[in-house]
Amino acid sequence: MEQNITTGPVPKSTFAPTVSPRQRVRRQNLEALLFLSPWIIGFLVFTAGPLIASVVLSFMSWDVITPAKWVGLANYKHLFHDPLMYTSLGNTLYYAVFSIPLHLVVALALALLLNQKVRAMGFFRTIFYLPSLTAGVATFLLWGNMFEPQAGLLNRFLRLFISNPPGWLIDPAWSKIALVIMSTWAVGATMLIFLAGLQGIPTHLYEAASIDGAKPWAQFLNVTIPMLSPTILFNTVILTIGSLQVFTQAFVLTHGGPSNSTLFYVYYLFNRAFVYFNMGYASAMAWLLFAIVLVLTLIQMKMSKRWVHYG
């Protein structure tokens, strides 16, 4: 029995619909936006939104309870006639000037020690990095006990050599110094960045310097420091931004005292916002801090051309 098999074009309905390149790109863009939407929504709601709101609030007077009132530049004008603002800014700059170099020196010294090829070096690196993970309220309370004038561990040790050790956190002359010393506890992150920079320095540079007769100290000054200069710049910028935002130590240990000696800028901003509920003035303070940080960062980047060596 013969079958009649007809050959010919298959009906169009059996083919999948064709998609133009433009439609494909549009679909890919929509899919990308769909997957990015959680981050975009979070950024708009929790970052960009408050940022824009703080700009508007800096030109208003608002105590959270009553409606906001437009005051123009009054908050900014009051800033430059506020003695406590100058006190807090001076305390913050004092802390930054002393804590940043100390932090860099201690972190670099530890990185140099931990860059040696000895047994169990991974264990020692972990031990020195752990304090940067535990830094917080509990750590500051522990340091507060160590700085206690009478029974504190530090003064009990100093009494072996001097009869009248400092009052530390209760003495205006020593309170900021105590917090600067405390800041060295969390050098682990900076140390880790220095360690990565040290391991990126080519060994043949040290071999060439050794052949030329350079001693270890000369190698450190003429090889290590120039090759590590981009890392030093990065750490300096990050530490500058962080030190100008110092807050938790004063909030937990000293509450800005004694005699406003630890009234740091961000702590004063916090008081203005959440103690006195002067949100407009606090927003103006925040934008002044942003301007200071921006100017200092631009100065550091400009000056880096003189001493930072890439490649």
C-alpha atoms as a PDB file:
ATOM      1  CA  MET A   1       0.000   0.000   0.000  1.00  0.00           C
ATOM      2  CA  GLU A   2       1.551   3.253  -1.072  1.00  0.00           C
ATOM      3  CA  GLN A   3       1.603   6.319   1.181  1.00  0.00           C
ATOM      4  CA  ASN A   4       1.289   9.725  -0.301  1.00  0.00           C
ATOM      5  CA  ILE A   5       4.061  11.784   1.334  1.00  0.00           C
ATOM      6  CA  THR A   6       3.774  15.393   0.525  1.00  0.00           C
ATOM      7  CA  THR A   7       6.828  17.557   0.781  1.00  0.00           C
ATOM      8  CA  GLY A   8       6.753  21.256   1.067  1.00  0.00           C
ATOM      9  CA  PRO A   9       7.335  24.154   3.420  1.00  0.00           C
ATOM     10  CA  VAL A  10       6.366  23.604   7.041  1.00  0.00           C
ATOM     11  CA  PRO A  11       3.624  25.958   8.175  1.00  0.00           C
ATOM     12  CA  LYS A  12       4.856  29.107   9.882  1.00  0.00           C
ATOM     13  CA  SER A  13       2.980  28.281  13.076  1.00  0.00           C
ATOM     14  CA  THR A  14       5.441  25.485  13.874  1.00  0.00           C
ATOM     15  CA  PHE A  15       8.423  27.903  14.069  1.00  0.00           C
ATOM     16  CA  ALA A  16       9.420  29.730  17.305  1.00  0.00           C
ATOM     17  CA  PRO A  17       8.766  33.462  17.070  1.00  0.00           C
ATOM     18  CA  THR A  18      11.805  35.373  15.914  1.00  0.00           C
ATOM     19  CA  VAL A  19      13.318  37.978  18.294  1.00  0.00           C
ATOM     20  CA  SER A  20      15.125  40.964  16.919  1.00  0.00           C
ATOM     21  CA  PRO A  21      18.505  41.991  18.400  1.00  0.00           C
ATOM     22  CA  ARG A  22      16.933  45.175  19.787  1.00  0.00           C
ATOM     23  CA  GLN A  23      14.259  43.187  21.625  1.00  0.00           C
ATOM     24  CA  ARG A  24      16.895  40.797  22.995  1.00  0.00           C
ATOM     25  CA  VAL A  25      18.984  43.670  24.377  1.00  0.00           C
ATOM     26  CA  ARG A  26      15.888  45.274  25.886  1.00  0.00           C
ATOM     27  CA  ARG A  27      14.932  42.014  27.571  1.00  0.00           C
ATOM     28  CA  GLN A  28      18.454  41.551  28.959  1.00  0.00           C
ATOM     29  CA  ASN A  29      18.402  45.096  30.342  1.00  0.00           C
ATOM     30  CA  LEU A  30      15.052  44.493  32.027  1.00  0.00           C
ATOM     31  CA  GLU A  31      16.322  41.252  33.554  1.00  0.00           C
ATOM     32  CA  ALA A  32      19.453  43.020  34.818  1.00  0.00           C
ATOM     33  CA  LEU A  33      17.349  45.781  36.385  1.00  0.00           C
ATOM     34  CA  LEU A  34      15.108  43.164  37.973  1.00  0.00           C
ATOM     35  CA  PHE A  35      18.048  41.455  39.666  1.00  0.00           C
ATOM     36  CA  LEU A  36      19.576  44.797  40.670  1.00  0.00           C
ATOM     37  CA  SER A  37      16.291  46.190  41.994  1.00  0.00           C
ATOM     38  CA  PRO A  38      16.809  45.080  45.658  1.00  0.00           C
ATOM     39  CA  TRP A  39      20.098  46.982  45.814  1.00  0.00           C
ATOM     40  CA  ILE A  40      18.711  49.985  43.902  1.00  0.00           C
ATOM     41  CA  ILE A  41      15.667  50.221  46.182  1.00  0.00           C
ATOM     42  CA  GLY A  42      17.870  49.855  49.272  1.00  0.00           C
ATOM     43  CA  PHE A  43      20.249  52.536  48.019  1.00  0.00           C
ATOM     44  CA  LEU A  44      17.437  54.986  47.262  1.00  0.00           C
ATOM     45  CA  VAL A  45      15.628  54.380  50.545  1.00  0.00           C
ATOM     46  CA  PHE A  46      18.531  54.051  52.988  1.00  0.00           C
ATOM     47  CA  THR A  47      21.348  56.092  51.377  1.00  0.00           C
ATOM     48  CA  ALA A  48      20.330  58.541  48.676  1.00  0.00           C
ATOM     49  CA  GLY A  49      17.046  59.443  50.372  1.00  0.00           C
ATOM     50  CA  PRO A  50      18.546  60.350  53.766  1.00  0.00           C
ATOM     51  CA  LEU A  51      21.418  62.117  52.004  1.00  0.00           C
ATOM     52  CA  ILE A  52      19.058  64.397  50.084  1.00  0.00           C
ATOM     53  CA  ALA A  53      16.897  64.865  53.196  1.00  0.00           C
ATOM     54  CA  SER A  54      19.923  65.981  55.228  1.00  0.00           C
ATOM     55  CA  VAL A  55      20.760  68.616  52.607  1.00  0.00           C
ATOM     56  CA  VAL A  56      17.241  70.018  52.831  1.00  0.00           C
ATOM     57  CA  LEU A  57      17.158  69.796  56.636  1.00  0.00           C
ATOM     58  CA  SER A  58      20.408  71.750  56.906  1.00  0.00           C
ATOM     59  CA  PHE A  59      18.442  74.795  55.713  1.00  0.00           C
ATOM     60  CA  MET A  60      15.615  74.214  58.185  1.00  0.00           C
ATOM     61  CA  SER A  61      14.865  74.324  61.866  1.00  0.00           C
ATOM     62  CA  TRP A  62      13.276  71.055  62.989  1.00  0.00           C
ATOM     63  CA  ASP A  63      12.910  69.529  66.435  1.00  0.00           C
ATOM     64  CA  VAL A  64      11.153  66.320  65.247  1.00  0.00           C
ATOM     65  CA  ILE A  65       7.931  67.272  67.095  1.00  0.00           C
ATOM     66  CA  THR A  66       6.891  70.488  65.375  1.00  0.00           C
ATOM     67  CA  PRO A  67       6.842  70.983  61.577  1.00  0.00           C
ATOM     68  CA  ALA A  68      10.119  71.956  59.943  1.00  0.00           C
ATOM     69  CA  LYS A  69      10.649  75.661  59.299  1.00  0.00           C
ATOM     70  CA  TRP A  70      12.815  77.089  56.523  1.00  0.00           C
ATOM     71  CA  VAL A  71      15.635  79.227  57.940  1.00  0.00           C
ATOM     72  CA  GLY A  72      17.982  79.437  54.965  1.00  0.00           C
ATOM     73  CA  LEU A  73      21.670  79.752  55.894  1.00  0.00           C
ATOM     74  CA  ALA A  74      20.971  80.415  59.584  1.00  0.00           C
ATOM     75  CA  ASN A  75      22.288  76.999  60.676  1.00  0.00           C
ATOM     76  CA  TYR A  76      25.533  77.486  58.777  1.00  0.00           C
ATOM     77  CA  LYS A  77      25.967  81.013  60.123  1.00  0.00           C
ATOM     78  CA  HIS A  78      25.404  79.783  63.669  1.00  0.00           C
ATOM     79  CA  LEU A  79      28.046  77.096  63.147  1.00  0.00           C
ATOM     80  CA  PHE A  80      30.796  79.681  62.849  1.00  0.00           C
ATOM     81  CA  HIS A  81      29.661  81.425  66.036  1.00  0.00           C
ATOM     82  CA  ASP A  82      29.376  78.264  68.132  1.00  0.00           C
ATOM     83  CA  PRO A  83      32.319  77.915  70.574  1.00  0.00           C
ATOM     84  CA  LEU A  84      31.546  74.250  71.224  1.00  0.00           C
ATOM     85  CA  MET A  85      31.832  73.550  67.510  1.00  0.00           C
ATOM     86  CA  TYR A  86      35.376  74.934  67.510  1.00  0.00           C
ATOM     87  CA  THR A  87      36.168  72.984  70.685  1.00  0.00           C
ATOM     88  CA  SER A  88      34.884  69.729  69.189  1.00  0.00           C
ATOM     89  CA  LEU A  89      36.673  70.339  65.901  1.00  0.00           C
ATOM     90  CA  GLY A  90      39.931  71.095  67.716  1.00  0.00           C
ATOM     91  CA  ASN A  91      39.638  67.930  69.799  1.00  0.00           C
ATOM     92  CA  THR A  92      38.986  65.889  66.668  1.00  0.00           C
ATOM     93  CA  LEU A  93      41.954  67.359  64.801  1.00  0.00           C
ATOM     94  CA  TYR A  94      44.176  66.762  67.853  1.00  0.00           C
ATOM     95  CA  TYR A  95      43.092  63.130  67.920  1.00  0.00           C
ATOM     96  CA  ALA A  96      43.677  62.754  64.168  1.00  0.00           C
ATOM     97  CA  VAL A  97      47.135  64.384  64.193  1.00  0.00           C
ATOM     98  CA  PHE A  98      48.443  62.007  66.869  1.00  0.00           C
ATOM     99  CA  SER A  99      46.475  58.816  66.191  1.00  0.00           C
ATOM    100  CA  ILE A 100      47.110  58.562  62.429  1.00  0.00           C
ATOM    101  CA  PRO A 101      50.966  58.540  62.555  1.00  0.00           C
ATOM    102  CA  LEU A 102      50.936  56.224  65.575  1.00  0.00           C
ATOM    103  CA  HIS A 103      48.501  53.885  63.835  1.00  0.00           C
ATOM    104  CA  LEU A 104      50.601  53.831  60.650  1.00  0.00           C
ATOM    105  CA  VAL A 105      53.888  53.211  62.471  1.00  0.00           C
ATOM    106  CA  VAL A 106      52.535  50.398  64.653  1.00  0.00           C
ATOM    107  CA  ALA A 107      50.735  48.739  61.733  1.00  0.00           C
ATOM    108  CA  LEU A 108      53.809  48.925  59.464  1.00  0.00           C
ATOM    109  CA  ALA A 109      56.093  47.590  62.218  1.00  0.00           C
ATOM    110  CA  LEU A 110      53.783  44.629  62.789  1.00  0.00           C
ATOM    111  CA  ALA A 111      53.507  43.996  59.052  1.00  0.00           C
ATOM    112  CA  LEU A 112      57.305  43.911  58.741  1.00  0.00           C
ATOM    113  CA  LEU A 113      57.523  41.415  61.598  1.00  0.00           C
ATOM    114  CA  LEU A 114      54.751  39.244  60.214  1.00  0.00           C
ATOM    115  CA  ASN A 115      56.295  39.245  56.733  1.00  0.00           C
ATOM    116  CA  GLN A 116      59.125  36.996  57.891  1.00  0.00           C
ATOM    117  CA  LYS A 117      59.296  33.382  56.741  1.00  0.00           C
ATOM    118  CA  VAL A 118      59.070  31.482  60.001  1.00  0.00           C
ATOM    119  CA  ARG A 119      56.979  28.580  61.207  1.00  0.00           C
ATOM    120  CA  ALA A 120      53.363  29.142  62.316  1.00  0.00           C
ATOM    121  CA  MET A 121      53.338  32.633  60.793  1.00  0.00           C
ATOM    122  CA  GLY A 122      49.680  32.231  59.829  1.00  0.00           C
ATOM    123  CA  PHE A 123      48.828  31.751  63.503  1.00  0.00           C
ATOM    124  CA  PHE A 124      50.651  34.934  64.536  1.00  0.00           C
ATOM    125  CA  ARG A 125      49.007  36.927  61.744  1.00  0.00           C
ATOM    126  CA  THR A 126      45.603  35.769  62.935  1.00  0.00           C
ATOM    127  CA  ILE A 127      46.387  36.707  66.541  1.00  0.00           C
ATOM    128  CA  PHE A 128      47.400  40.244  65.613  1.00  0.00           C
ATOM    129  CA  TYR A 129      44.420  40.704  63.298  1.00  0.00           C
ATOM    130  CA  LEU A 130      41.753  39.485  65.754  1.00  0.00           C
ATOM    131  CA  PRO A 131      41.633  42.699  67.872  1.00  0.00           C
ATOM    132  CA  SER A 132      40.372  44.655  64.860  1.00  0.00           C
ATOM    133  CA  LEU A 133      37.387  42.289  64.743  1.00  0.00           C
ATOM    134  CA  THR A 134      36.621  42.610  68.444  1.00  0.00           C
ATOM    135  CA  ALA A 135      36.885  46.416  68.637  1.00  0.00           C
ATOM    136  CA  GLY A 136      33.654  47.818  70.016  1.00  0.00           C
ATOM    137  CA  VAL A 137      31.839  48.754  73.189  1.00  0.00           C
ATOM    138  CA  ALA A 138      33.092  45.724  75.145  1.00  0.00           C
ATOM    139  CA  THR A 139      36.699  46.478  74.162  1.00  0.00           C
ATOM    140  CA  PHE A 140      36.369  50.145  75.114  1.00  0.00           C
ATOM    141  CA  LEU A 141      34.956  49.192  78.521  1.00  0.00           C
ATOM    142  CA  LEU A 142      37.943  46.904  79.025  1.00  0.00           C
ATOM    143  CA  TRP A 143      40.303  49.756  78.150  1.00  0.00           C
ATOM    144  CA  GLY A 144      38.354  52.001  80.537  1.00  0.00           C
ATOM    145  CA  ASN A 145      39.161  49.592  83.360  1.00  0.00           C
ATOM    146  CA  MET A 146      42.817  49.559  82.332  1.00  0.00           C
ATOM    147  CA  PHE A 147      42.930  53.390  82.414  1.00  0.00           C
ATOM    148  CA  GLU A 148      41.235  53.584  85.818  1.00  0.00           C
ATOM    149  CA  PRO A 149      43.452  55.944  87.906  1.00  0.00           C
ATOM    150  CA  GLN A 150      43.592  53.947  91.137  1.00  0.00           C
ATOM    151  CA  ALA A 151      43.102  50.245  90.432  1.00  0.00           C
ATOM    152  CA  GLY A 152      43.747  50.238  86.684  1.00  0.00           C
ATOM    153  CA  LEU A 153      46.365  47.832  85.378  1.00  0.00           C
ATOM    154  CA  LEU A 154      48.290  50.568  83.556  1.00  0.00           C
ATOM    155  CA  ASN A 155      48.699  52.853  86.585  1.00  0.00           C
ATOM    156  CA  ARG A 156      49.523  49.928  88.864  1.00  0.00           C
ATOM    157  CA  PHE A 157      52.398  49.179  86.508  1.00  0.00           C
ATOM    158  CA  LEU A 158      53.479  52.840  86.267  1.00  0.00           C
ATOM    159  CA  ARG A 159      53.602  53.151  90.073  1.00  0.00           C
ATOM    160  CA  LEU A 160      56.599  50.848  89.988  1.00  0.00           C
ATOM    161  CA  PHE A 161      58.510  53.721  88.381  1.00  0.00           C
ATOM    162  CA  ILE A 162      56.672  56.962  89.271  1.00  0.00           C
ATOM    163  CA  SER A 163      54.670  57.905  92.338  1.00  0.00           C
ATOM    164  CA  ASN A 164      51.975  59.955  90.617  1.00  0.00           C
ATOM    165  CA  PRO A 165      50.826  58.383  87.322  1.00  0.00           C
ATOM    166  CA  PRO A 166      48.391  60.241  85.031  1.00  0.00           C
ATOM    167  CA  GLY A 167      44.681  60.385  85.673  1.00  0.00           C
ATOM    168  CA  TRP A 168      44.043  59.383  82.057  1.00  0.00           C
ATOM    169  CA  LEU A 169      40.320  59.553  81.298  1.00  0.00           C
ATOM    170  CA  ILE A 170      39.501  61.838  84.247  1.00  0.00           C
ATOM    171  CA  ASP A 171      42.271  64.329  83.500  1.00  0.00           C
ATOM    172  CA  PRO A 172      41.667  66.866  80.663  1.00  0.00           C
ATOM    173  CA  ALA A 173      45.388  66.919  79.907  1.00  0.00           C
ATOM    174  CA  TRP A 174      45.560  63.153  79.378  1.00  0.00           C
ATOM    175  CA  SER A 175      42.094  62.100  78.206  1.00  0.00           C
ATOM    176  CA  LYS A 176      42.712  62.537  74.465  1.00  0.00           C
ATOM    177  CA  ILE A 177      46.144  60.897  74.769  1.00  0.00           C
ATOM    178  CA  ALA A 178      44.491  57.905  76.419  1.00  0.00           C
ATOM    179  CA  LEU A 179      42.094  57.559  73.500  1.00  0.00           C
ATOM    180  CA  VAL A 180      44.984  57.884  71.033  1.00  0.00           C
ATOM    181  CA  ILE A 181      46.791  55.040  72.805  1.00  0.00           C
ATOM    182  CA  MET A 182      43.575  53.033  72.748  1.00  0.00           C
ATOM    183  CA  SER A 183      43.312  53.465  68.975  1.00  0.00           C
ATOM    184  CA  THR A 184      46.393  51.264  68.446  1.00  0.00           C
ATOM    185  CA  TRP A 185      44.353  48.264  69.601  1.00  0.00           C
ATOM    186  CA  ALA A 186      42.624  47.986  66.215  1.00  0.00           C
ATOM    187  CA  VAL A 187      45.589  48.239  63.834  1.00  0.00           C
ATOM    188  CA  GLY A 188      44.920  44.778  62.415  1.00  0.00           C
ATOM    189  CA  ALA A 189      43.147  45.892  59.249  1.00  0.00           C
ATOM    190  CA  THR A 190      45.829  48.471  58.414  1.00  0.00           C
ATOM    191  CA  MET A 191      48.527  45.914  59.206  1.00  0.00           C
ATOM    192  CA  LEU A 192      46.926  43.439  56.796  1.00  0.00           C
ATOM    193  CA  ILE A 193      46.947  46.002  53.974  1.00  0.00           C
ATOM    194  CA  PHE A 194      50.606  46.798  54.662  1.00  0.00           C
ATOM    195  CA  LEU A 195      51.385  43.083  54.665  1.00  0.00           C
ATOM    196  CA  ALA A 196      49.785  42.683  51.243  1.00  0.00           C
ATOM    197  CA  GLY A 197      51.807  45.647  49.979  1.00  0.00           C
ATOM    198  CA  LEU A 198      55.057  44.204  51.340  1.00  0.00           C
ATOM    199  CA  GLN A 199      54.437  40.873  49.658  1.00  0.00           C
ATOM    200  CA  GLY A 200      53.915  42.677  46.359  1.00  0.00           C
ATOM    201  CA  ILE A 201      57.418  44.189  46.350  1.00  0.00           C
ATOM    202  CA  PRO A 202      59.687  42.308  43.909  1.00  0.00           C
ATOM    203  CA  THR A 203      62.500  40.482  45.709  1.00  0.00           C
ATOM    204  CA  HIS A 204      65.010  41.305  42.973  1.00  0.00           C
ATOM    205  CA  LEU A 205      64.991  44.933  44.154  1.00  0.00           C
ATOM    206  CA  TYR A 206      66.316  43.853  47.550  1.00  0.00           C
ATOM    207  CA  GLU A 207      68.859  41.581  45.865  1.00  0.00           C
ATOM    208  CA  ALA A 208      70.107  44.446  43.695  1.00  0.00           C
ATOM    209  CA  ALA A 209      70.313  46.776  46.706  1.00  0.00           C
ATOM    210  CA  SER A 210      72.207  44.123  48.667  1.00  0.00           C
ATOM    211  CA  ILE A 211      74.688  43.668  45.828  1.00  0.00           C
ATOM    212  CA  ASP A 212      75.242  47.454  45.831  1.00  0.00           C
ATOM    213  CA  GLY A 213      76.121  47.223  49.522  1.00  0.00           C
ATOM    214  CA  ALA A 214      72.918  48.603  51.014  1.00  0.00           C
ATOM    215  CA  LYS A 215      72.355  47.641  54.648  1.00  0.00           C
ATOM    216  CA  PRO A 216      68.865  46.592  55.914  1.00  0.00           C
ATOM    217  CA  TRP A 217      68.013  50.126  57.056  1.00  0.00           C
ATOM    218  CA  ALA A 218      69.069  51.577  53.684  1.00  0.00           C
ATOM    219  CA  GLN A 219      67.005  48.931  51.906  1.00  0.00           C
ATOM    220  CA  PHE A 220      64.008  49.883  54.035  1.00  0.00           C
ATOM    221  CA  LEU A 221      64.355  53.592  53.194  1.00  0.00           C
ATOM    222  CA  ASN A 222      65.215  53.227  49.518  1.00  0.00           C
ATOM    223  CA  VAL A 223      63.238  50.147  48.489  1.00  0.00           C
ATOM    224  CA  THR A 224      60.485  49.326  50.966  1.00  0.00           C
ATOM    225  CA  ILE A 225      59.135  52.824  51.608  1.00  0.00           C
ATOM    226  CA  PRO A 226      59.067  53.974  47.928  1.00  0.00           C
ATOM    227  CA  MET A 227      57.470  50.725  46.758  1.00  0.00           C
ATOM    228  CA  LEU A 228      55.016  50.845  49.652  1.00  0.00           C
ATOM    229  CA  SER A 229      54.099  54.506  49.127  1.00  0.00           C
ATOM    230  CA  PRO A 230      50.752  53.804  47.345  1.00  0.00           C
ATOM    231  CA  THR A 231      49.733  51.598  50.271  1.00  0.00           C
ATOM    232  CA  ILE A 232      50.801  54.278  52.744  1.00  0.00           C
ATOM    233  CA  LEU A 233      48.701  56.833  50.865  1.00  0.00           C
ATOM    234  CA  PHE A 234      45.652  54.552  50.874  1.00  0.00           C
ATOM    235  CA  ASN A 235      45.935  53.834  54.591  1.00  0.00           C
ATOM    236  CA  THR A 236      46.501  57.507  55.387  1.00  0.00           C
ATOM    237  CA  VAL A 237      43.364  58.586  53.520  1.00  0.00           C
ATOM    238  CA  ILE A 238      41.250  55.858  55.140  1.00  0.00           C
ATOM    239  CA  LEU A 239      42.599  56.630  58.623  1.00  0.00           C
ATOM    240  CA  THR A 240      42.034  60.356  58.132  1.00  0.00           C
ATOM    241  CA  ILE A 241      38.394  59.801  57.242  1.00  0.00           C
ATOM    242  CA  GLY A 242      37.959  57.398  60.150  1.00  0.00           C
ATOM    243  CA  SER A 243      39.703  59.550  62.766  1.00  0.00           C
ATOM    244  CA  LEU A 244      37.584  62.579  61.893  1.00  0.00           C
ATOM    245  CA  GLN A 245      34.524  60.459  62.693  1.00  0.00           C
ATOM    246  CA  VAL A 246      35.715  59.250  66.113  1.00  0.00           C
ATOM    247  CA  PHE A 247      32.663  58.804  68.333  1.00  0.00           C
ATOM    248  CA  THR A 248      32.221  55.513  70.167  1.00  0.00           C
ATOM    249  CA  GLN A 249      35.162  55.894  72.560  1.00  0.00           C
ATOM    250  CA  ALA A 250      33.934  59.248  73.839  1.00  0.00           C
ATOM    251  CA  PHE A 251      30.314  58.105  73.951  1.00  0.00           C
ATOM    252  CA  VAL A 252      31.102  54.979  75.988  1.00  0.00           C
ATOM    253  CA  LEU A 253      33.937  56.118  78.253  1.00  0.00           C
ATOM    254  CA  THR A 254      33.992  59.884  78.781  1.00  0.00           C
ATOM    255  CA  HIS A 255      30.692  61.355  77.508  1.00  0.00           C
ATOM    256  CA  GLY A 256      32.694  64.234  76.096  1.00  0.00           C
ATOM    257  CA  GLY A 257      34.434  65.042  79.372  1.00  0.00           C
ATOM    258  CA  PRO A 258      36.257  65.926  81.430  1.00  0.00           C
ATOM    259  CA  SER A 259      35.735  69.626  80.720  1.00  0.00           C
ATOM    260  CA  ASN A 260      34.820  68.911  77.075  1.00  0.00           C
ATOM    261  CA  SER A 261      38.326  67.566  76.453  1.00  0.00           C
ATOM    262  CA  THR A 262      36.928  64.586  74.526  1.00  0.00           C
ATOM    263  CA  LEU A 263      33.961  66.358  72.975  1.00  0.00           C
ATOM    264  CA  PHE A 264      34.681  65.206  69.447  1.00  0.00           C
ATOM    265  CA  TYR A 265      32.912  66.653  66.426  1.00  0.00           C
ATOM    266  CA  VAL A 266      30.686  63.649  65.687  1.00  0.00           C
ATOM    267  CA  TYR A 267      29.819  63.278  69.372  1.00  0.00           C
ATOM    268  CA  TYR A 268      28.767  66.935  69.485  1.00  0.00           C
ATOM    269  CA  LEU A 269      26.769  66.372  66.278  1.00  0.00           C
ATOM    270  CA  PHE A 270      25.098  63.370  67.935  1.00  0.00           C
ATOM    271  CA  ASN A 271      24.144  65.475  70.959  1.00  0.00           C
ATOM    272  CA  ARG A 272      22.690  68.182  68.766  1.00  0.00           C
ATOM    273  CA  ALA A 273      20.601  65.668  66.834  1.00  0.00           C
ATOM    274  CA  PHE A 274      19.467  63.123  69.432  1.00  0.00           C
ATOM    275  CA  VAL A 275      19.777  64.939  72.765  1.00  0.00           C
ATOM    276  CA  TYR A 276      18.641  68.458  71.854  1.00  0.00           C
ATOM    277  CA  PHE A 277      16.691  67.334  68.740  1.00  0.00           C
ATOM    278  CA  ASN A 278      18.105  70.151  66.652  1.00  0.00           C
ATOM    279  CA  MET A 279      18.078  68.166  63.437  1.00  0.00           C
ATOM    280  CA  GLY A 280      18.644  71.099  61.102  1.00  0.00           C
ATOM    281  CA  TYR A 281      21.758  72.244  62.939  1.00  0.00           C
ATOM    282  CA  ALA A 282      23.075  68.666  63.126  1.00  0.00           C
ATOM    283  CA  SER A 283      22.575  68.274  59.363  1.00  0.00           C
ATOM    284  CA  ALA A 284      24.551  71.470  58.765  1.00  0.00           C
ATOM    285  CA  MET A 285      27.320  70.091  61.000  1.00  0.00           C
ATOM    286  CA  ALA A 286      27.341  66.868  58.995  1.00  0.00           C
ATOM    287  CA  TRP A 287      27.811  68.713  55.712  1.00  0.00           C
ATOM    288  CA  LEU A 288      30.564  70.864  57.198  1.00  0.00           C
ATOM    289  CA  LEU A 289      32.339  67.652  58.232  1.00  0.00           C
ATOM    290  CA  PHE A 290      31.887  66.304  54.715  1.00  0.00           C
ATOM    291  CA  ALA A 291      33.481  69.459  53.311  1.00  0.00           C
ATOM    292  CA  ILE A 292      36.436  69.173  55.723  1.00  0.00           C
ATOM    293  CA  VAL A 293      36.996  65.509  54.844  1.00  0.00           C
ATOM    294  CA  LEU A 294      36.743  66.281  51.125  1.00  0.00           C
ATOM    295  CA  VAL A 295      39.263  69.140  51.332  1.00  0.00           C
ATOM    296  CA  LEU A 296      41.750  67.084  53.366  1.00  0.00           C
ATOM    297  CA  THR A 297      41.426  64.144  50.974  1.00  0.00           C
ATOM    298  CA  LEU A 298      41.993  66.378  47.936  1.00  0.00           C
ATOM    299  CA  ILE A 299      45.059  67.905  49.616  1.00  0.00           C
ATOM    300  CA  GLN A 300      46.458  64.444  50.330  1.00  0.00           C
ATOM    301  CA  MET A 301      45.872  63.317  46.760  1.00  0.00           C
ATOM    302  CA  LYS A 302      47.494  66.501  45.414  1.00  0.00           C
ATOM    303  CA  MET A 303      50.543  66.171  47.650  1.00  0.00           C
ATOM    304  CA  SER A 304      50.870  62.462  46.891  1.00  0.00           C
ATOM    305  CA  LYS A 305      52.296  63.276  43.457  1.00  0.00           C
ATOM    306  CA  ARG A 306      55.491  64.368  45.205  1.00  0.00           C
ATOM    307  CA  TRP A 307      56.164  61.202  47.195  1.00  0.00           C
ATOM    308  CA  VAL A 308      54.014  58.330  45.912  1.00  0.00           C
ATOM    309  CA  HIS A 309      55.703  56.058  43.359  1.00  0.00           C
ATOM    310  CA  TYR A 310      53.614  53.719  41.224  1.00  0.00           C
ATOM    311  CA  GLY A 311      55.162  50.707  39.537  1.00  0.00           C
END
